[in-house]
Protein backbone atom coordinates (compact mmCIF):
# COMPACT_ATOMS: atom_id res chain seq x y z
CA UNK A 1 68.42 186.13 0.10
CA UNK A 2 71.09 188.86 0.11
CA UNK A 3 72.97 189.87 4.02
CA UNK A 4 70.86 193.80 4.78
CA UNK A 5 67.40 190.91 3.56
CA UNK A 6 68.76 188.65 6.07
CA UNK A 7 69.10 190.59 8.53
CA UNK A 8 65.97 192.28 8.43
CA UNK A 9 64.40 189.08 8.75
CA UNK A 10 66.30 187.68 11.16
CA UNK A 11 65.38 191.55 12.98
CA UNK A 12 61.50 190.85 12.14
CA UNK A 13 61.68 187.61 14.20
CA UNK A 14 63.51 189.27 17.15
CA UNK A 15 60.74 191.30 17.15
CA UNK A 16 57.92 189.50 16.99
CA UNK A 17 59.35 187.33 19.50
CA UNK A 18 59.60 189.94 21.73
CA UNK A 19 55.88 191.11 20.95
CA UNK A 20 54.79 188.09 21.98
CA UNK A 21 56.17 187.88 25.57
CA UNK A 22 55.07 191.53 25.67
CA UNK A 23 51.33 190.07 25.07
CA UNK A 24 52.02 187.21 27.49
CA UNK A 25 52.58 189.82 30.00
CA UNK A 26 49.87 191.78 29.48
CA UNK A 27 48.00 188.74 29.72
CA UNK A 28 49.73 187.79 33.16
CA UNK A 29 49.10 191.36 35.01
CA UNK A 30 45.68 191.68 33.97
CA UNK A 31 44.88 188.52 35.68
CA UNK A 32 47.08 190.03 38.06
CA UNK A 33 44.99 192.31 38.51
CA UNK A 34 42.19 190.75 39.09
CA UNK A 35 44.50 188.82 42.10
CA UNK A 36 45.30 191.90 43.74
CA UNK A 37 41.68 192.96 43.85
CA UNK A 38 40.73 190.17 45.82
CA UNK A 39 43.69 190.55 48.24
CA UNK A 40 43.08 194.15 48.68
CA UNK A 41 42.96 194.83 52.23
CA UNK A 42 39.93 196.78 54.10
CA UNK A 43 40.90 199.92 55.44
CA UNK A 44 41.44 199.64 59.32
CA UNK A 45 41.47 203.48 60.82
CA UNK A 46 41.96 204.54 64.65
CA UNK A 47 41.31 207.65 66.06
CA UNK A 48 43.53 208.53 68.76
CA UNK A 49 40.99 211.70 70.11
CA UNK A 50 37.89 210.60 68.86
CA UNK A 51 36.02 214.21 69.51
CA UNK A 52 38.53 216.18 67.85
CA UNK A 53 39.40 214.22 65.14
CA UNK A 54 35.89 214.15 64.40
CA UNK A 55 35.57 218.36 65.47
CA UNK A 56 38.36 218.89 62.73
CA UNK A 57 37.90 216.27 60.31
CA UNK A 58 40.85 213.86 60.01
CA UNK A 59 41.97 209.55 61.25
CA UNK A 60 45.16 209.84 63.18
CA UNK A 61 45.98 206.48 61.27
CA UNK A 62 45.09 204.10 58.89
CA UNK A 63 46.67 200.80 58.22
CA UNK A 64 46.35 199.13 54.79
CA UNK A 65 47.99 195.42 54.71
CA UNK A 66 51.60 195.97 55.21
CA UNK A 67 51.22 200.05 55.59
CA UNK A 68 50.81 202.25 58.12
CA UNK A 69 49.91 206.14 57.48
CA UNK A 70 50.06 208.62 60.53
CA UNK A 71 48.61 211.97 60.41
CA UNK A 72 50.74 214.67 61.80
CA UNK A 73 50.88 214.59 66.34
CA UNK A 74 50.66 217.97 67.63
CA UNK A 75 51.07 218.48 71.66
CA UNK A 76 47.62 218.62 72.83
CA UNK A 77 45.95 216.96 76.28
CA UNK A 78 42.57 214.90 75.93
CA UNK A 79 40.65 217.62 75.05
CA UNK A 80 42.45 219.10 72.18
CA UNK A 81 43.93 222.06 73.83
CA UNK A 82 47.34 222.99 73.26
CA UNK A 83 49.98 222.32 75.53
CA UNK A 84 53.47 223.25 76.71
CA UNK A 85 53.07 226.37 74.90
CA UNK A 86 56.60 227.99 73.59
CA UNK A 87 58.05 225.24 74.71
CA UNK A 88 59.06 222.90 71.60
CA UNK A 89 61.32 220.74 73.42
CA UNK A 90 58.17 219.55 75.63
CA UNK A 91 55.99 219.92 72.72
CA UNK A 92 58.08 217.45 70.60
CA UNK A 93 58.11 215.22 73.74
CA UNK A 94 54.66 215.30 73.17
CA UNK A 95 54.40 214.52 69.89
CA UNK A 96 55.76 211.54 70.12
CA UNK A 97 54.36 209.71 73.26
CA UNK A 98 50.79 210.50 71.27
CA UNK A 99 52.75 208.51 68.19
CA UNK A 100 54.30 205.96 70.37
CA UNK A 101 50.38 205.54 71.52
CA UNK A 102 49.18 205.13 67.86
CA UNK A 103 52.09 202.90 67.24
CA UNK A 104 51.47 200.26 69.82
CA UNK A 105 47.91 200.36 68.95
CA UNK A 106 49.25 198.60 65.73
CA UNK A 107 51.18 196.28 67.44
CA UNK A 108 54.85 198.59 65.82
CA UNK A 109 57.40 200.35 67.37
CA UNK A 110 59.90 203.54 66.35
CA UNK A 111 61.83 201.10 64.21
CA UNK A 112 58.76 200.22 62.11
CA UNK A 113 58.87 203.75 60.87
CA UNK A 114 59.45 203.81 57.58
CA UNK A 115 58.92 207.99 57.09
CA UNK A 116 59.23 210.88 59.34
CA UNK A 117 58.20 214.50 58.61
CA UNK A 118 59.06 216.94 60.80
CA UNK A 119 56.48 220.60 60.42
CA UNK A 120 58.02 223.04 62.66
CA UNK A 121 57.68 227.22 62.71
CA UNK A 122 61.37 227.20 64.47
CA UNK A 123 63.37 225.73 63.00
CA UNK A 124 66.93 227.35 64.66
CA UNK A 125 65.15 225.97 67.65
CA UNK A 126 64.14 222.64 65.90
CA UNK A 127 68.19 221.72 65.62
CA UNK A 128 68.96 222.95 69.08
CA UNK A 129 66.95 219.81 70.57
CA UNK A 130 66.54 218.02 67.04
CA UNK A 131 68.96 214.85 69.46
CA UNK A 132 66.36 214.49 71.54
CA UNK A 133 65.22 211.81 68.64
CA UNK A 134 67.83 209.93 69.37
CA UNK A 135 66.19 208.92 72.39
CA UNK A 136 63.10 207.65 69.80
CA UNK A 137 65.28 206.40 67.25
CA UNK A 138 67.56 204.15 68.56
CA UNK A 139 68.62 201.43 65.79
CA UNK A 140 67.75 203.70 62.31
CA UNK A 141 66.19 207.10 61.17
CA UNK A 142 63.99 207.07 58.92
CA UNK A 143 63.66 208.60 55.81
CA UNK A 144 62.00 211.82 55.96
CA UNK A 145 61.83 215.60 55.56
CA UNK A 146 62.62 219.22 58.06
CA UNK A 147 60.01 221.60 57.25
CA UNK A 148 60.17 224.85 58.32
CA UNK A 149 55.98 226.20 58.41
CA UNK A 150 54.79 229.39 59.11
CA UNK A 151 52.09 228.05 60.93
CA UNK A 152 50.96 225.44 62.01
CA UNK A 153 46.56 224.44 62.81
CA UNK A 154 46.61 226.58 65.44
CA UNK A 155 48.80 229.39 66.34
CA UNK A 156 50.46 227.95 69.92
CA UNK A 157 50.80 224.33 67.85
CA UNK A 158 55.26 224.82 66.94
CA UNK A 159 55.75 221.59 65.87
CA UNK A 160 53.86 218.71 64.67
CA UNK A 161 55.15 214.86 63.53
CA UNK A 162 54.11 212.49 60.69
CA UNK A 163 55.00 209.04 60.21
CA UNK A 164 54.57 206.32 57.83
CA UNK A 165 55.52 202.94 58.91
CA UNK A 166 56.01 199.07 57.36
CA UNK A 167 54.92 196.20 59.62
CA UNK A 168 56.12 193.02 58.47
CA UNK A 169 54.00 190.17 59.01
């Protein structure tokens, strides 16, 4: 066998080897999908204000496995009425107080938060008050985004904060 033919033969053998590995991996991934389907977690929903959430059509939080998604918290009383109108700092404090209640329901703290997204209708004022977050996140800040928006669900709301949490077993 001449040199180019021998190289082609070796490449074909290597290619067949990788094809066998790939097919074996596919078979394993199919069985893993079946195993994962059996281990699928049932979502655990939590409503902070059930009547308000039902009226607006959302659930405040859902936990699946080790992950918790928390809907945006706004500054409202237990009847769903906006509070601290015109006071962004107090609205921010009210948001974090509600988020703390949700976190505690699941046995978590702000140390378990991995994503925090803040939506505000007044970004300059939020930036002036953002240092308050240092009292919430005392170990490390989560990832996330700060977004200036035209409006939130009700015109009185100046800020909305949503979280994603990862809780180890």
